[in-house]
């Protein structure tokens, strides 16, 4: 059975921040393209939810967080079988200090 992809409020805000940053720095077209590509990357998870690697920095959480990498971004998610969905929890710029990721949760 195929799972749904669900974006948390926090992950949506992160995607909006990415959009705003690139809109200012590179223009609307590039910002839209990047955000759409990040979003489309998560669609792979519908049929293969466990393709992402386990996120070592979030091992202490009760959920088993995994991630996909797209360009400079780590898309952090976990598989919520109870709700039949993949929950995208963060889109993290890998050029930042990894400790920030842990603080975001």
C-alpha atoms as a PDB file:
ATOM      1  CA  UNK A   1       0.000   0.000   0.000  1.00  0.00           C
ATOM      2  CA  UNK A   2       1.271   3.437  -0.939  1.00  0.00           C
ATOM      3  CA  UNK A   3       1.757   5.940   1.875  1.00  0.00           C
ATOM      4  CA  UNK A   4       0.856   9.630   1.743  1.00  0.00           C
ATOM      5  CA  UNK A   5       3.477  12.343   2.112  1.00  0.00           C
ATOM      6  CA  UNK A   6       2.601  14.771   4.900  1.00  0.00           C
ATOM      7  CA  UNK A   7       4.517  18.000   5.492  1.00  0.00           C
ATOM      8  CA  UNK A   8       4.528  19.261   9.082  1.00  0.00           C
ATOM      9  CA  UNK A   9       4.020  22.956   9.710  1.00  0.00           C
ATOM     10  CA  UNK A  10       7.703  23.298  10.614  1.00  0.00           C
ATOM     11  CA  UNK A  11       8.885  21.630   7.400  1.00  0.00           C
ATOM     12  CA  UNK A  12       6.560  23.820   5.339  1.00  0.00           C
ATOM     13  CA  UNK A  13       8.031  26.905   7.021  1.00  0.00           C
ATOM     14  CA  UNK A  14      11.545  25.696   6.214  1.00  0.00           C
ATOM     15  CA  UNK A  15      10.574  25.213   2.571  1.00  0.00           C
ATOM     16  CA  UNK A  16       9.146  28.756   2.537  1.00  0.00           C
ATOM     17  CA  UNK A  17      12.401  30.107   4.023  1.00  0.00           C
ATOM     18  CA  UNK A  18      14.366  28.369   1.287  1.00  0.00           C
ATOM     19  CA  UNK A  19      12.031  29.865  -1.314  1.00  0.00           C
ATOM     20  CA  UNK A  20      12.332  33.389   0.114  1.00  0.00           C
ATOM     21  CA  UNK A  21      16.115  33.175   0.326  1.00  0.00           C
ATOM     22  CA  UNK A  22      16.520  32.065  -3.290  1.00  0.00           C
ATOM     23  CA  UNK A  23      13.845  34.474  -4.523  1.00  0.00           C
ATOM     24  CA  UNK A  24      15.893  37.354  -3.131  1.00  0.00           C
ATOM     25  CA  UNK A  25      19.293  35.979  -4.204  1.00  0.00           C
ATOM     26  CA  UNK A  26      18.539  34.343  -7.550  1.00  0.00           C
ATOM     27  CA  UNK A  27      14.995  35.246  -8.599  1.00  0.00           C
ATOM     28  CA  UNK A  28      11.508  33.769  -8.489  1.00  0.00           C
ATOM     29  CA  UNK A  29      12.010  31.213 -11.251  1.00  0.00           C
ATOM     30  CA  UNK A  30      15.029  29.600  -9.586  1.00  0.00           C
ATOM     31  CA  UNK A  31      13.386  29.687  -6.151  1.00  0.00           C
ATOM     32  CA  UNK A  32      10.246  27.945  -7.468  1.00  0.00           C
ATOM     33  CA  UNK A  33      12.311  25.377  -9.339  1.00  0.00           C
ATOM     34  CA  UNK A  34      14.382  24.455  -6.271  1.00  0.00           C
ATOM     35  CA  UNK A  35      11.371  24.190  -3.954  1.00  0.00           C
ATOM     36  CA  UNK A  36       9.484  22.073  -6.501  1.00  0.00           C
ATOM     37  CA  UNK A  37      12.492  19.786  -6.908  1.00  0.00           C
ATOM     38  CA  UNK A  38      12.788  19.320  -3.126  1.00  0.00           C
ATOM     39  CA  UNK A  39       9.063  18.559  -2.939  1.00  0.00           C
ATOM     40  CA  UNK A  40       9.238  16.123  -5.860  1.00  0.00           C
ATOM     41  CA  UNK A  41      12.155  14.306  -4.226  1.00  0.00           C
ATOM     42  CA  UNK A  42       9.844  13.345  -1.344  1.00  0.00           C
ATOM     43  CA  UNK A  43       7.375  11.703  -3.729  1.00  0.00           C
ATOM     44  CA  UNK A  44       9.850   8.832  -4.113  1.00  0.00           C
ATOM     45  CA  UNK A  45       9.009   7.883  -0.543  1.00  0.00           C
ATOM     46  CA  UNK A  46       5.410   6.949  -1.358  1.00  0.00           C
ATOM     47  CA  UNK A  47       6.377   3.616  -2.843  1.00  0.00           C
ATOM     48  CA  UNK A  48       9.693   3.090  -1.049  1.00  0.00           C
ATOM     49  CA  UNK A  49       9.489   4.785   2.352  1.00  0.00           C
ATOM     50  CA  UNK A  50      12.645   3.185   3.731  1.00  0.00           C
ATOM     51  CA  UNK A  51      15.033   4.341   0.984  1.00  0.00           C
ATOM     52  CA  UNK A  52      16.377   7.104   3.222  1.00  0.00           C
ATOM     53  CA  UNK A  53      19.245   6.444   5.578  1.00  0.00           C
ATOM     54  CA  UNK A  54      18.742   6.561   9.336  1.00  0.00           C
ATOM     55  CA  UNK A  55      19.556   9.960  10.839  1.00  0.00           C
ATOM     56  CA  UNK A  56      22.263   9.378  13.445  1.00  0.00           C
ATOM     57  CA  UNK A  57      21.778  12.756  15.147  1.00  0.00           C
ATOM     58  CA  UNK A  58      18.142  11.942  15.940  1.00  0.00           C
ATOM     59  CA  UNK A  59      18.595   8.370  17.170  1.00  0.00           C
ATOM     60  CA  UNK A  60      17.520   9.335  20.692  1.00  0.00           C
ATOM     61  CA  UNK A  61      13.987  10.161  19.496  1.00  0.00           C
ATOM     62  CA  UNK A  62      11.194   7.613  19.772  1.00  0.00           C
ATOM     63  CA  UNK A  63      10.482   7.895  16.030  1.00  0.00           C
ATOM     64  CA  UNK A  64      12.975   6.399  13.603  1.00  0.00           C
ATOM     65  CA  UNK A  65      14.033   9.443  11.587  1.00  0.00           C
ATOM     66  CA  UNK A  66      15.447   8.955   8.118  1.00  0.00           C
ATOM     67  CA  UNK A  67      16.636  11.378   5.480  1.00  0.00           C
ATOM     68  CA  UNK A  68      16.974  11.937   1.768  1.00  0.00           C
ATOM     69  CA  UNK A  69      19.601  14.256   0.345  1.00  0.00           C
ATOM     70  CA  UNK A  70      18.746  16.659  -2.451  1.00  0.00           C
ATOM     71  CA  UNK A  71      21.509  19.053  -3.500  1.00  0.00           C
ATOM     72  CA  UNK A  72      22.544  20.822  -0.248  1.00  0.00           C
ATOM     73  CA  UNK A  73      19.431  19.775   1.654  1.00  0.00           C
ATOM     74  CA  UNK A  74      18.626  16.926   3.969  1.00  0.00           C
ATOM     75  CA  UNK A  75      14.937  16.071   3.971  1.00  0.00           C
ATOM     76  CA  UNK A  76      14.234  14.613   7.418  1.00  0.00           C
ATOM     77  CA  UNK A  77      11.226  12.304   7.772  1.00  0.00           C
ATOM     78  CA  UNK A  78       9.777   9.359   9.645  1.00  0.00           C
ATOM     79  CA  UNK A  79       7.277   6.713   8.624  1.00  0.00           C
ATOM     80  CA  UNK A  80       4.043   6.966  10.572  1.00  0.00           C
ATOM     81  CA  UNK A  81       2.418   3.613   9.861  1.00  0.00           C
ATOM     82  CA  UNK A  82      -0.391   4.364  12.318  1.00  0.00           C
ATOM     83  CA  UNK A  83      -1.525   7.305  10.144  1.00  0.00           C
ATOM     84  CA  UNK A  84      -0.437   5.612   6.887  1.00  0.00           C
ATOM     85  CA  UNK A  85       1.857   8.472   5.955  1.00  0.00           C
ATOM     86  CA  UNK A  86       5.416   9.703   5.703  1.00  0.00           C
ATOM     87  CA  UNK A  87       5.895  12.805   7.817  1.00  0.00           C
ATOM     88  CA  UNK A  88       8.403  15.318   6.507  1.00  0.00           C
ATOM     89  CA  UNK A  89       9.730  17.033   9.626  1.00  0.00           C
ATOM     90  CA  UNK A  90      12.517  19.260   8.357  1.00  0.00           C
ATOM     91  CA  UNK A  91      14.388  20.426   5.295  1.00  0.00           C
ATOM     92  CA  UNK A  92      17.854  21.108   6.596  1.00  0.00           C
ATOM     93  CA  UNK A  93      20.632  22.928   4.757  1.00  0.00           C
ATOM     94  CA  UNK A  94      23.671  20.676   5.150  1.00  0.00           C
ATOM     95  CA  UNK A  95      25.963  23.700   5.050  1.00  0.00           C
ATOM     96  CA  UNK A  96      24.723  24.598   8.557  1.00  0.00           C
ATOM     97  CA  UNK A  97      26.000  23.202  11.824  1.00  0.00           C
ATOM     98  CA  UNK A  98      24.348  19.760  12.305  1.00  0.00           C
ATOM     99  CA  UNK A  99      23.625  20.578  15.961  1.00  0.00           C
ATOM    100  CA  UNK A 100      20.979  23.036  14.723  1.00  0.00           C
ATOM    101  CA  UNK A 101      19.019  20.113  13.281  1.00  0.00           C
ATOM    102  CA  UNK A 102      18.756  18.506  16.693  1.00  0.00           C
ATOM    103  CA  UNK A 103      17.538  21.783  18.205  1.00  0.00           C
ATOM    104  CA  UNK A 104      14.778  22.127  15.593  1.00  0.00           C
ATOM    105  CA  UNK A 105      12.923  19.067  16.798  1.00  0.00           C
END
